[in-house]
């Protein structure tokens, strides 16, 4: 155990690492439960919460750690402060996009997760090098049961867009070199003094 480590510096570093692992594990378990609830109900919570987006995106990626062996992950977050968005919906949408990207890169590739602040919204970008989407399907990606990529049920993108639009956002597609880019749009809202100290 950590308590049996003689060197106090090493013991302190191990304690900090264990605390971080417990926190990440707890967040992953909560997010898995949220996604299961959303899948079962066909919807997700509608109670918006102030969330630290970088932490939520890192947790979403960590949920797929067992599938990242042949995929290089890049992160680039440029967000000032928390965003107001339903937790379950956000994780359902982002996890669906990551899952689609990983399915498209079964033989390896690069997955980029970015967050960009724009005047009216924050855009979470999920970009992959999985070969892209055929041109004839790009205009119909969000139709139920289309199934643009192999291995999917055909409901993921349709459900993701519906959930995002329910909290005033959207999910949009853009071609990317050698792959695809999907953006989750989160409207920016000023924080009232009453909740200025909140956030997850």
N, C-alpha and C. Protein backbone atom coordinates (compact mmCIF):
# COMPACT_ATOMS: atom_id res chain seq x y z
N UNK A 1 0.83 -1.19 0.00
CA UNK A 1 0.00 0.00 0.00
C UNK A 1 0.87 1.25 0.00
N UNK A 2 0.23 2.40 -0.28
CA UNK A 2 0.97 3.66 -0.30
C UNK A 2 1.56 3.97 1.06
N UNK A 3 0.86 3.61 2.13
CA UNK A 3 1.34 3.91 3.48
C UNK A 3 2.65 3.21 3.79
N UNK A 4 2.94 2.14 3.08
CA UNK A 4 4.17 1.39 3.32
C UNK A 4 5.37 1.93 2.55
N UNK A 5 5.16 2.93 1.70
CA UNK A 5 6.25 3.53 0.94
C UNK A 5 7.06 4.42 1.88
N UNK A 6 8.35 4.17 1.96
CA UNK A 6 9.18 4.88 2.93
C UNK A 6 9.44 6.33 2.55
N UNK A 7 9.71 6.57 1.29
CA UNK A 7 10.07 7.93 0.87
C UNK A 7 8.84 8.84 0.92
N UNK A 8 8.87 9.91 1.71
CA UNK A 8 7.69 10.77 1.85
C UNK A 8 7.30 11.48 0.56
N UNK A 9 8.27 11.84 -0.27
CA UNK A 9 7.95 12.52 -1.53
C UNK A 9 7.22 11.57 -2.47
N UNK A 10 7.75 10.36 -2.60
CA UNK A 10 7.10 9.36 -3.45
C UNK A 10 5.71 9.02 -2.92
N UNK A 11 5.60 8.91 -1.57
CA UNK A 11 4.30 8.60 -0.98
C UNK A 11 3.28 9.69 -1.28
N UNK A 12 3.73 10.95 -1.20
CA UNK A 12 2.83 12.06 -1.50
C UNK A 12 2.38 12.07 -2.95
N UNK A 13 3.32 11.76 -3.86
CA UNK A 13 2.97 11.71 -5.27
C UNK A 13 1.98 10.58 -5.56
N UNK A 14 2.18 9.44 -4.92
CA UNK A 14 1.25 8.32 -5.11
C UNK A 14 -0.12 8.64 -4.56
N UNK A 15 -0.17 9.31 -3.39
CA UNK A 15 -1.46 9.71 -2.82
C UNK A 15 -2.21 10.62 -3.78
N UNK A 16 -1.51 11.60 -4.35
CA UNK A 16 -2.15 12.52 -5.28
C UNK A 16 -2.65 11.80 -6.52
N UNK A 17 -1.86 10.85 -7.02
CA UNK A 17 -2.26 10.09 -8.19
C UNK A 17 -3.49 9.23 -7.91
N UNK A 18 -3.53 8.61 -6.75
CA UNK A 18 -4.69 7.79 -6.38
C UNK A 18 -5.95 8.64 -6.25
N UNK A 19 -5.83 9.83 -5.66
CA UNK A 19 -6.99 10.72 -5.55
C UNK A 19 -7.50 11.11 -6.93
N UNK A 20 -6.58 11.40 -7.84
CA UNK A 20 -6.97 11.77 -9.19
C UNK A 20 -7.65 10.60 -9.90
N UNK A 21 -7.12 9.40 -9.72
CA UNK A 21 -7.73 8.21 -10.34
C UNK A 21 -9.14 7.97 -9.81
N UNK A 22 -9.32 8.15 -8.49
CA UNK A 22 -10.66 7.95 -7.91
C UNK A 22 -11.64 8.98 -8.46
N UNK A 23 -11.19 10.22 -8.61
CA UNK A 23 -12.07 11.26 -9.13
C UNK A 23 -12.47 10.96 -10.56
N UNK A 24 -11.49 10.58 -11.39
CA UNK A 24 -11.79 10.28 -12.79
C UNK A 24 -12.72 9.07 -12.90
N UNK A 25 -12.45 8.04 -12.08
CA UNK A 25 -13.30 6.85 -12.09
C UNK A 25 -14.73 7.20 -11.72
N UNK A 26 -14.90 8.03 -10.71
CA UNK A 26 -16.24 8.44 -10.28
C UNK A 26 -16.96 9.19 -11.39
N UNK A 27 -16.24 10.10 -12.06
CA UNK A 27 -16.86 10.87 -13.13
C UNK A 27 -17.22 9.97 -14.31
N UNK A 28 -16.36 9.01 -14.64
CA UNK A 28 -16.66 8.09 -15.74
C UNK A 28 -17.89 7.26 -15.41
N UNK A 29 -17.97 6.75 -14.18
CA UNK A 29 -19.14 5.95 -13.79
C UNK A 29 -20.42 6.78 -13.90
N UNK A 30 -20.35 8.04 -13.48
CA UNK A 30 -21.52 8.90 -13.58
C UNK A 30 -21.91 9.17 -15.02
N UNK A 31 -20.91 9.36 -15.88
CA UNK A 31 -21.21 9.63 -17.28
C UNK A 31 -21.74 8.40 -18.00
N UNK A 32 -21.21 7.22 -17.67
CA UNK A 32 -21.74 5.99 -18.26
C UNK A 32 -23.20 5.82 -17.87
N UNK A 33 -23.50 6.05 -16.61
CA UNK A 33 -24.89 5.94 -16.15
C UNK A 33 -25.79 6.94 -16.88
N UNK A 34 -25.27 8.15 -17.10
CA UNK A 34 -26.06 9.16 -17.80
C UNK A 34 -26.34 8.75 -19.24
N UNK A 35 -25.34 8.17 -19.90
CA UNK A 35 -25.53 7.75 -21.29
C UNK A 35 -26.51 6.59 -21.37
N UNK A 36 -26.42 5.67 -20.42
CA UNK A 36 -27.37 4.55 -20.39
C UNK A 36 -28.79 5.07 -20.20
N UNK A 37 -28.95 6.03 -19.29
CA UNK A 37 -30.29 6.60 -19.08
C UNK A 37 -30.80 7.26 -20.36
N UNK A 38 -29.92 8.00 -21.03
CA UNK A 38 -30.33 8.68 -22.25
C UNK A 38 -30.70 7.68 -23.34
N UNK A 39 -29.93 6.61 -23.47
CA UNK A 39 -30.23 5.59 -24.48
C UNK A 39 -31.56 4.90 -24.19
N UNK A 40 -31.80 4.61 -22.92
CA UNK A 40 -33.02 3.90 -22.55
C UNK A 40 -34.25 4.77 -22.75
N UNK A 41 -34.12 6.06 -22.41
CA UNK A 41 -35.28 6.94 -22.47
C UNK A 41 -35.42 7.63 -23.82
N UNK A 42 -34.35 7.61 -24.62
CA UNK A 42 -34.38 8.32 -25.89
C UNK A 42 -34.21 9.81 -25.72
N UNK A 43 -33.89 10.23 -24.51
CA UNK A 43 -33.68 11.65 -24.23
C UNK A 43 -32.74 11.73 -23.05
N UNK A 44 -32.51 12.95 -22.58
CA UNK A 44 -31.63 13.13 -21.44
C UNK A 44 -32.19 14.24 -20.56
N UNK A 45 -31.47 14.53 -19.47
CA UNK A 45 -31.94 15.56 -18.55
C UNK A 45 -32.03 16.90 -19.26
N UNK A 46 -32.93 17.77 -18.78
CA UNK A 46 -33.06 19.09 -19.38
C UNK A 46 -32.65 20.19 -18.41
N UNK A 47 -31.99 19.82 -17.32
CA UNK A 47 -31.55 20.80 -16.34
C UNK A 47 -30.12 21.21 -16.65
N UNK A 48 -29.95 22.44 -17.12
CA UNK A 48 -28.62 22.92 -17.48
C UNK A 48 -27.80 23.17 -16.22
N UNK A 49 -26.52 22.86 -16.30
CA UNK A 49 -25.59 23.00 -15.18
C UNK A 49 -24.33 23.68 -15.70
N UNK A 50 -23.71 24.49 -14.86
CA UNK A 50 -22.43 25.09 -15.24
C UNK A 50 -21.34 24.02 -15.16
N UNK A 51 -20.69 23.76 -16.29
CA UNK A 51 -19.69 22.71 -16.37
C UNK A 51 -18.36 23.26 -16.88
N UNK A 52 -17.27 22.73 -16.33
CA UNK A 52 -15.95 23.03 -16.85
C UNK A 52 -15.73 22.13 -18.06
N UNK A 53 -15.78 22.70 -19.24
CA UNK A 53 -15.84 21.92 -20.46
C UNK A 53 -14.59 21.07 -20.67
N UNK A 54 -13.41 21.60 -20.34
CA UNK A 54 -12.19 20.81 -20.54
C UNK A 54 -12.22 19.53 -19.73
N UNK A 55 -12.69 19.61 -18.49
CA UNK A 55 -12.77 18.41 -17.65
C UNK A 55 -13.78 17.42 -18.21
N UNK A 56 -14.92 17.92 -18.67
CA UNK A 56 -15.95 17.02 -19.19
C UNK A 56 -15.47 16.33 -20.47
N UNK A 57 -14.76 17.05 -21.32
CA UNK A 57 -14.26 16.43 -22.55
C UNK A 57 -13.18 15.40 -22.26
N UNK A 58 -12.30 15.71 -21.31
CA UNK A 58 -11.28 14.72 -20.92
C UNK A 58 -11.93 13.46 -20.38
N UNK A 59 -12.98 13.62 -19.59
CA UNK A 59 -13.68 12.45 -19.05
C UNK A 59 -14.34 11.65 -20.16
N UNK A 60 -14.94 12.34 -21.13
CA UNK A 60 -15.57 11.64 -22.25
C UNK A 60 -14.55 10.82 -23.02
N UNK A 61 -13.37 11.37 -23.25
CA UNK A 61 -12.32 10.63 -23.95
C UNK A 61 -11.86 9.44 -23.11
N UNK A 62 -11.72 9.65 -21.80
CA UNK A 62 -11.25 8.57 -20.92
C UNK A 62 -12.18 7.37 -20.94
N UNK A 63 -13.46 7.59 -21.22
CA UNK A 63 -14.41 6.48 -21.27
C UNK A 63 -14.08 5.50 -22.40
N UNK A 64 -13.31 5.96 -23.39
CA UNK A 64 -12.96 5.12 -24.53
C UNK A 64 -11.51 4.67 -24.48
N UNK A 65 -10.90 4.73 -23.31
CA UNK A 65 -9.47 4.42 -23.19
C UNK A 65 -9.13 3.04 -23.75
N UNK A 66 -10.03 2.07 -23.56
CA UNK A 66 -9.76 0.71 -24.02
C UNK A 66 -9.78 0.59 -25.54
N UNK A 67 -10.22 1.61 -26.25
CA UNK A 67 -10.29 1.57 -27.72
C UNK A 67 -9.30 2.52 -28.39
N UNK A 68 -8.43 3.13 -27.61
CA UNK A 68 -7.54 4.16 -28.15
C UNK A 68 -6.15 3.63 -28.51
N UNK A 69 -5.95 2.33 -28.47
CA UNK A 69 -4.61 1.77 -28.66
C UNK A 69 -3.96 2.16 -29.97
N UNK A 70 -4.73 2.24 -31.06
CA UNK A 70 -4.14 2.54 -32.37
C UNK A 70 -4.55 3.94 -32.84
N UNK A 71 -5.07 4.72 -31.93
CA UNK A 71 -5.53 6.06 -32.28
C UNK A 71 -4.76 7.10 -31.49
N UNK A 72 -4.24 8.08 -32.17
CA UNK A 72 -3.55 9.20 -31.52
C UNK A 72 -4.58 10.26 -31.17
N UNK A 73 -4.59 10.68 -29.92
CA UNK A 73 -5.56 11.67 -29.45
C UNK A 73 -4.88 13.01 -29.26
N UNK A 74 -5.47 14.05 -29.83
CA UNK A 74 -4.99 15.41 -29.65
C UNK A 74 -6.09 16.24 -29.01
N UNK A 75 -5.70 17.11 -28.08
CA UNK A 75 -6.66 17.97 -27.39
C UNK A 75 -6.25 19.42 -27.54
N UNK A 76 -7.22 20.30 -27.77
CA UNK A 76 -6.95 21.73 -27.86
C UNK A 76 -8.20 22.46 -27.34
N UNK A 77 -8.11 22.99 -26.13
CA UNK A 77 -9.25 23.64 -25.52
C UNK A 77 -8.97 25.14 -25.38
N UNK A 78 -9.86 25.96 -25.94
CA UNK A 78 -9.73 27.41 -25.82
C UNK A 78 -11.08 27.97 -25.39
N UNK A 79 -11.42 27.73 -24.13
CA UNK A 79 -12.71 28.14 -23.60
C UNK A 79 -12.48 28.96 -22.34
N UNK A 80 -13.13 30.10 -22.27
CA UNK A 80 -13.01 30.96 -21.09
C UNK A 80 -14.17 30.69 -20.14
N UNK A 81 -13.88 30.01 -19.05
CA UNK A 81 -14.90 29.77 -18.05
C UNK A 81 -15.83 28.62 -18.39
N UNK A 82 -16.77 28.32 -17.50
CA UNK A 82 -17.69 27.20 -17.68
C UNK A 82 -18.78 27.49 -18.70
N UNK A 83 -19.46 26.43 -19.13
CA UNK A 83 -20.59 26.56 -20.05
C UNK A 83 -21.84 26.03 -19.36
N UNK A 84 -22.98 26.57 -19.76
CA UNK A 84 -24.25 26.16 -19.17
C UNK A 84 -24.94 25.20 -20.12
N UNK A 85 -24.96 23.92 -19.74
CA UNK A 85 -25.49 22.88 -20.62
C UNK A 85 -25.89 21.68 -19.77
N UNK A 86 -26.93 20.94 -20.16
CA UNK A 86 -27.28 19.73 -19.41
C UNK A 86 -26.16 18.69 -19.47
N UNK A 87 -25.77 18.19 -18.32
CA UNK A 87 -24.65 17.26 -18.23
C UNK A 87 -24.90 15.99 -19.03
N UNK A 88 -26.03 15.33 -18.82
CA UNK A 88 -26.31 14.06 -19.49
C UNK A 88 -26.34 14.23 -21.01
N UNK A 89 -27.01 15.30 -21.47
CA UNK A 89 -27.10 15.54 -22.90
C UNK A 89 -25.73 15.75 -23.51
N UNK A 90 -24.92 16.58 -22.85
CA UNK A 90 -23.59 16.86 -23.38
C UNK A 90 -22.79 15.58 -23.55
N UNK A 91 -22.79 14.72 -22.53
CA UNK A 91 -21.99 13.51 -22.61
C UNK A 91 -22.56 12.51 -23.60
N UNK A 92 -23.86 12.47 -23.72
CA UNK A 92 -24.45 11.58 -24.72
C UNK A 92 -24.01 12.01 -26.11
N UNK A 93 -24.10 13.31 -26.39
CA UNK A 93 -23.76 13.83 -27.72
C UNK A 93 -22.28 13.63 -28.02
N UNK A 94 -21.40 14.07 -27.12
CA UNK A 94 -19.97 13.98 -27.37
C UNK A 94 -19.52 12.53 -27.47
N UNK A 95 -20.03 11.68 -26.58
CA UNK A 95 -19.64 10.27 -26.61
C UNK A 95 -20.08 9.59 -27.89
N UNK A 96 -21.25 9.96 -28.41
CA UNK A 96 -21.70 9.38 -29.67
C UNK A 96 -20.75 9.75 -30.80
N UNK A 97 -20.30 11.01 -30.82
CA UNK A 97 -19.39 11.44 -31.89
C UNK A 97 -18.03 10.76 -31.77
N UNK A 98 -17.53 10.63 -30.55
CA UNK A 98 -16.25 9.94 -30.36
C UNK A 98 -16.37 8.48 -30.79
N UNK A 99 -17.46 7.84 -30.40
CA UNK A 99 -17.68 6.44 -30.77
C UNK A 99 -17.70 6.29 -32.29
N UNK A 100 -18.41 7.18 -32.99
CA UNK A 100 -18.45 7.13 -34.45
C UNK A 100 -17.05 7.27 -35.05
N UNK A 101 -16.28 8.21 -34.51
CA UNK A 101 -14.93 8.43 -35.03
C UNK A 101 -14.05 7.20 -34.83
N UNK A 102 -14.14 6.58 -33.66
CA UNK A 102 -13.31 5.41 -33.39
C UNK A 102 -13.72 4.24 -34.27
N UNK A 103 -15.01 4.09 -34.54
CA UNK A 103 -15.46 3.04 -35.45
C UNK A 103 -14.87 3.24 -36.84
N UNK A 104 -14.75 4.52 -37.24
CA UNK A 104 -14.22 4.82 -38.57
C UNK A 104 -12.71 4.66 -38.64
N UNK A 105 -12.05 4.54 -37.48
CA UNK A 105 -10.59 4.42 -37.45
C UNK A 105 -10.16 3.12 -36.79
N UNK A 106 -10.81 2.04 -37.12
CA UNK A 106 -10.49 0.75 -36.51
C UNK A 106 -9.05 0.35 -36.76
N UNK A 107 -8.48 0.80 -37.87
CA UNK A 107 -7.10 0.45 -38.20
C UNK A 107 -6.11 1.51 -37.74
N UNK A 108 -6.60 2.51 -37.03
CA UNK A 108 -5.71 3.56 -36.53
C UNK A 108 -5.99 4.89 -37.19
N UNK A 109 -5.50 5.95 -36.55
CA UNK A 109 -5.72 7.28 -37.09
C UNK A 109 -5.50 8.32 -36.01
N UNK A 110 -6.04 9.49 -36.25
CA UNK A 110 -5.88 10.60 -35.31
C UNK A 110 -7.25 11.16 -34.94
N UNK A 111 -7.49 11.28 -33.65
CA UNK A 111 -8.73 11.86 -33.12
C UNK A 111 -8.38 13.18 -32.45
N UNK A 112 -8.97 14.26 -32.91
CA UNK A 112 -8.73 15.57 -32.32
C UNK A 112 -10.01 16.05 -31.63
N UNK A 113 -9.87 16.44 -30.38
CA UNK A 113 -10.98 17.01 -29.62
C UNK A 113 -10.61 18.45 -29.32
N UNK A 114 -11.41 19.37 -29.81
CA UNK A 114 -11.10 20.79 -29.62
C UNK A 114 -12.34 21.51 -29.11
N UNK A 115 -12.11 22.62 -28.42
CA UNK A 115 -13.19 23.50 -27.98
C UNK A 115 -12.79 24.93 -28.33
N UNK A 116 -13.64 25.59 -29.09
CA UNK A 116 -13.33 26.92 -29.61
C UNK A 116 -14.43 27.89 -29.19
N UNK A 117 -14.04 29.05 -28.67
CA UNK A 117 -15.01 30.06 -28.27
C UNK A 117 -15.29 31.00 -29.44
N UNK A 118 -16.56 31.14 -29.76
CA UNK A 118 -17.01 32.05 -30.81
C UNK A 118 -17.96 33.08 -30.20
N UNK A 119 -18.34 34.12 -30.96
CA UNK A 119 -19.14 35.19 -30.35
C UNK A 119 -20.42 34.74 -29.66
N UNK A 120 -21.15 33.80 -30.25
CA UNK A 120 -22.45 33.41 -29.69
C UNK A 120 -22.47 32.01 -29.09
N UNK A 121 -21.38 31.27 -29.26
CA UNK A 121 -21.40 29.89 -28.78
C UNK A 121 -19.98 29.35 -28.63
N UNK A 122 -19.91 28.20 -27.97
CA UNK A 122 -18.68 27.41 -27.91
C UNK A 122 -18.88 26.22 -28.84
N UNK A 123 -17.89 25.94 -29.65
CA UNK A 123 -17.96 24.79 -30.56
C UNK A 123 -17.01 23.71 -30.08
N UNK A 124 -17.56 22.54 -29.77
CA UNK A 124 -16.75 21.37 -29.46
C UNK A 124 -16.59 20.60 -30.77
N UNK A 125 -15.35 20.42 -31.19
CA UNK A 125 -15.07 19.75 -32.46
C UNK A 125 -14.52 18.35 -32.21
N UNK A 126 -15.10 17.38 -32.88
CA UNK A 126 -14.60 16.00 -32.87
C UNK A 126 -14.17 15.70 -34.30
N UNK A 127 -12.85 15.59 -34.51
CA UNK A 127 -12.29 15.48 -35.85
C UNK A 127 -11.52 14.16 -35.94
N UNK A 128 -11.75 13.42 -37.01
CA UNK A 128 -11.04 12.15 -37.17
C UNK A 128 -10.45 12.04 -38.56
N UNK A 129 -9.60 11.04 -38.73
CA UNK A 129 -9.00 10.75 -40.03
C UNK A 129 -9.51 9.41 -40.55
N UNK A 130 -10.80 9.18 -40.36
CA UNK A 130 -11.39 7.90 -40.69
C UNK A 130 -11.90 7.75 -42.10
N UNK A 131 -11.44 8.59 -43.02
CA UNK A 131 -11.85 8.43 -44.41
C UNK A 131 -13.00 9.30 -44.85
N UNK A 132 -13.69 9.92 -43.89
CA UNK A 132 -14.76 10.83 -44.24
C UNK A 132 -16.09 10.16 -44.50
N UNK A 133 -17.06 10.96 -44.94
CA UNK A 133 -18.42 10.49 -45.23
C UNK A 133 -18.65 10.66 -46.73
N UNK A 134 -19.18 9.64 -47.40
CA UNK A 134 -19.44 9.77 -48.84
C UNK A 134 -20.28 11.00 -49.15
N UNK A 135 -19.95 11.68 -50.24
CA UNK A 135 -20.63 12.93 -50.60
C UNK A 135 -22.14 12.76 -50.71
N UNK A 136 -22.56 11.61 -51.20
CA UNK A 136 -24.00 11.42 -51.40
C UNK A 136 -24.77 11.27 -50.08
N UNK A 137 -24.05 11.04 -48.98
CA UNK A 137 -24.71 10.90 -47.68
C UNK A 137 -24.60 12.13 -46.81
N UNK A 138 -23.75 13.07 -47.17
CA UNK A 138 -23.48 14.20 -46.28
C UNK A 138 -24.71 15.04 -45.99
N UNK A 139 -25.60 15.17 -46.95
CA UNK A 139 -26.81 15.96 -46.73
C UNK A 139 -27.88 15.24 -45.94
N UNK A 140 -27.66 13.96 -45.67
CA UNK A 140 -28.70 13.17 -44.99
C UNK A 140 -28.19 12.54 -43.69
N UNK A 141 -27.05 13.02 -43.20
CA UNK A 141 -26.41 12.40 -42.05
C UNK A 141 -27.31 12.32 -40.82
N UNK A 142 -28.18 13.29 -40.64
CA UNK A 142 -28.95 13.37 -39.41
C UNK A 142 -30.35 12.78 -39.56
N UNK A 143 -30.57 12.05 -40.64
CA UNK A 143 -31.84 11.34 -40.79
C UNK A 143 -31.79 10.06 -39.97
N UNK A 144 -32.86 9.75 -39.23
CA UNK A 144 -32.89 8.51 -38.46
C UNK A 144 -32.68 7.29 -39.35
N UNK A 145 -31.92 6.33 -38.84
CA UNK A 145 -31.69 5.04 -39.49
C UNK A 145 -30.82 5.11 -40.74
N UNK A 146 -30.19 6.26 -40.99
CA UNK A 146 -29.33 6.33 -42.17
C UNK A 146 -28.10 5.44 -42.00
N UNK A 147 -27.40 5.59 -40.87
CA UNK A 147 -26.22 4.77 -40.62
C UNK A 147 -25.11 5.04 -41.61
N UNK A 148 -24.51 6.23 -41.53
CA UNK A 148 -23.49 6.63 -42.50
C UNK A 148 -22.21 5.82 -42.38
N UNK A 149 -21.94 5.28 -41.20
CA UNK A 149 -20.70 4.55 -40.99
C UNK A 149 -21.01 3.15 -40.50
N UNK A 150 -20.19 2.18 -40.85
CA UNK A 150 -20.47 0.79 -40.48
C UNK A 150 -20.43 0.59 -38.98
N UNK A 151 -21.26 -0.33 -38.51
CA UNK A 151 -21.24 -0.69 -37.10
C UNK A 151 -22.19 0.10 -36.24
N UNK A 152 -22.83 1.12 -36.79
CA UNK A 152 -23.73 1.94 -35.99
C UNK A 152 -25.17 1.51 -36.16
N UNK A 153 -26.02 1.98 -35.24
CA UNK A 153 -27.43 1.64 -35.29
C UNK A 153 -28.22 2.59 -36.18
N UNK A 154 -27.61 3.72 -36.55
CA UNK A 154 -28.31 4.66 -37.42
C UNK A 154 -29.13 5.68 -36.67
N UNK A 155 -29.13 5.66 -35.34
CA UNK A 155 -29.91 6.62 -34.55
C UNK A 155 -29.04 7.64 -33.85
N UNK A 156 -27.73 7.39 -33.79
CA UNK A 156 -26.85 8.22 -32.97
C UNK A 156 -26.84 9.69 -33.35
N UNK A 157 -26.61 10.01 -34.62
CA UNK A 157 -26.52 11.40 -35.02
C UNK A 157 -27.86 12.10 -34.94
N UNK A 158 -28.92 11.41 -35.29
CA UNK A 158 -30.26 11.98 -35.19
C UNK A 158 -30.59 12.33 -33.73
N UNK A 159 -30.29 11.40 -32.82
CA UNK A 159 -30.55 11.64 -31.40
C UNK A 159 -29.64 12.74 -30.86
N UNK A 160 -28.37 12.72 -31.26
CA UNK A 160 -27.44 13.74 -30.79
C UNK A 160 -27.90 15.14 -31.19
N UNK A 161 -28.32 15.30 -32.43
CA UNK A 161 -28.79 16.62 -32.86
C UNK A 161 -30.06 17.02 -32.11
N UNK A 162 -30.97 16.08 -31.91
CA UNK A 162 -32.21 16.41 -31.19
C UNK A 162 -31.91 16.86 -29.77
N UNK A 163 -30.99 16.16 -29.08
CA UNK A 163 -30.64 16.54 -27.73
C UNK A 163 -29.99 17.92 -27.69
N UNK A 164 -29.06 18.16 -28.62
CA UNK A 164 -28.38 19.46 -28.65
C UNK A 164 -29.35 20.59 -28.92
N UNK A 165 -30.27 20.38 -29.83
CA UNK A 165 -31.23 21.44 -30.14
C UNK A 165 -32.19 21.69 -28.99
N UNK A 166 -32.41 20.68 -28.16
CA UNK A 166 -33.29 20.85 -27.01
C UNK A 166 -32.74 21.85 -26.01
N UNK A 167 -31.39 21.99 -25.92
CA UNK A 167 -30.83 23.00 -25.03
C UNK A 167 -30.26 24.19 -25.80
N UNK A 168 -30.80 24.42 -27.02
CA UNK A 168 -30.46 25.61 -27.77
C UNK A 168 -29.20 25.51 -28.59
N UNK A 169 -28.62 24.31 -28.68
CA UNK A 169 -27.40 24.11 -29.46
C UNK A 169 -27.69 23.40 -30.76
N UNK A 170 -26.68 22.73 -31.27
CA UNK A 170 -26.85 21.98 -32.51
C UNK A 170 -25.65 21.06 -32.70
N UNK A 171 -25.76 20.13 -33.64
CA UNK A 171 -24.64 19.31 -34.08
C UNK A 171 -24.59 19.47 -35.59
N UNK A 172 -23.41 19.85 -36.10
CA UNK A 172 -23.27 20.09 -37.53
C UNK A 172 -22.06 19.31 -38.05
N UNK A 173 -22.09 19.02 -39.33
CA UNK A 173 -21.02 18.25 -39.98
C UNK A 173 -20.21 19.15 -40.89
N UNK A 174 -18.92 18.89 -40.97
CA UNK A 174 -18.04 19.56 -41.93
C UNK A 174 -16.98 18.56 -42.38
N UNK A 175 -16.72 18.48 -43.68
CA UNK A 175 -15.63 17.60 -44.14
C UNK A 175 -14.30 18.04 -43.54
N UNK A 176 -13.40 17.11 -43.35
CA UNK A 176 -12.06 17.41 -42.85
C UNK A 176 -11.07 16.62 -43.69
N UNK A 177 -9.84 17.10 -43.82
CA UNK A 177 -8.85 16.37 -44.62
C UNK A 177 -8.69 14.92 -44.17
N UNK A 178 -9.04 13.99 -45.04
CA UNK A 178 -8.89 12.58 -44.74
C UNK A 178 -9.91 12.02 -43.78
N UNK A 179 -10.90 12.81 -43.40
CA UNK A 179 -11.86 12.31 -42.42
C UNK A 179 -13.09 13.20 -42.32
N UNK A 180 -13.54 13.40 -41.08
CA UNK A 180 -14.76 14.16 -40.85
C UNK A 180 -14.62 14.99 -39.59
N UNK A 181 -15.39 16.07 -39.53
CA UNK A 181 -15.45 16.93 -38.35
C UNK A 181 -16.91 17.15 -37.99
N UNK A 182 -17.25 16.88 -36.76
CA UNK A 182 -18.57 17.21 -36.25
C UNK A 182 -18.40 18.24 -35.14
N UNK A 183 -19.25 19.25 -35.16
CA UNK A 183 -19.20 20.30 -34.15
C UNK A 183 -20.46 20.26 -33.30
N UNK A 184 -20.26 20.30 -31.99
CA UNK A 184 -21.36 20.45 -31.03
C UNK A 184 -21.37 21.91 -30.62
N UNK A 185 -22.46 22.60 -30.92
CA UNK A 185 -22.56 24.03 -30.63
C UNK A 185 -23.29 24.24 -29.30
N UNK A 186 -22.63 24.96 -28.40
CA UNK A 186 -23.18 25.25 -27.07
C UNK A 186 -23.34 26.75 -26.95
N UNK A 187 -24.56 27.27 -26.83
CA UNK A 187 -24.74 28.71 -26.71
C UNK A 187 -24.03 29.25 -25.47
N UNK A 188 -23.41 30.42 -25.62
CA UNK A 188 -22.78 31.06 -24.46
C UNK A 188 -23.81 31.91 -23.75
N UNK A 189 -23.80 31.82 -22.43
CA UNK A 189 -24.74 32.57 -21.62
C UNK A 189 -23.98 33.21 -20.47
N UNK A 190 -24.28 34.47 -20.15
CA UNK A 190 -23.60 35.12 -19.03
C UNK A 190 -23.98 34.46 -17.71
N UNK A 191 -23.05 34.42 -16.80
CA UNK A 191 -23.32 33.86 -15.48
C UNK A 191 -23.89 34.95 -14.58
N UNK A 192 -24.99 34.65 -13.92
CA UNK A 192 -25.57 35.62 -13.00
C UNK A 192 -24.76 35.61 -11.70
N UNK A 193 -24.77 36.73 -10.96
CA UNK A 193 -24.02 36.76 -9.70
C UNK A 193 -24.41 35.65 -8.74
N UNK A 194 -25.67 35.19 -8.82
CA UNK A 194 -26.15 34.17 -7.89
C UNK A 194 -25.45 32.84 -8.08
N UNK A 195 -24.95 32.59 -9.33
CA UNK A 195 -24.31 31.30 -9.60
C UNK A 195 -22.84 31.46 -9.95
N UNK A 196 -22.30 32.65 -9.69
CA UNK A 196 -20.94 32.92 -10.11
C UNK A 196 -19.93 31.98 -9.51
N UNK A 197 -20.24 31.39 -8.38
CA UNK A 197 -19.28 30.47 -7.75
C UNK A 197 -19.55 29.03 -8.08
N UNK A 198 -20.50 28.75 -8.96
CA UNK A 198 -20.87 27.36 -9.26
C UNK A 198 -19.94 26.76 -10.26
N UNK A 199 -20.37 25.62 -10.84
CA UNK A 199 -19.56 24.92 -11.84
C UNK A 199 -19.15 23.57 -11.30
N UNK A 200 -18.95 22.63 -12.24
CA UNK A 200 -18.58 21.28 -11.85
C UNK A 200 -17.10 21.10 -11.96
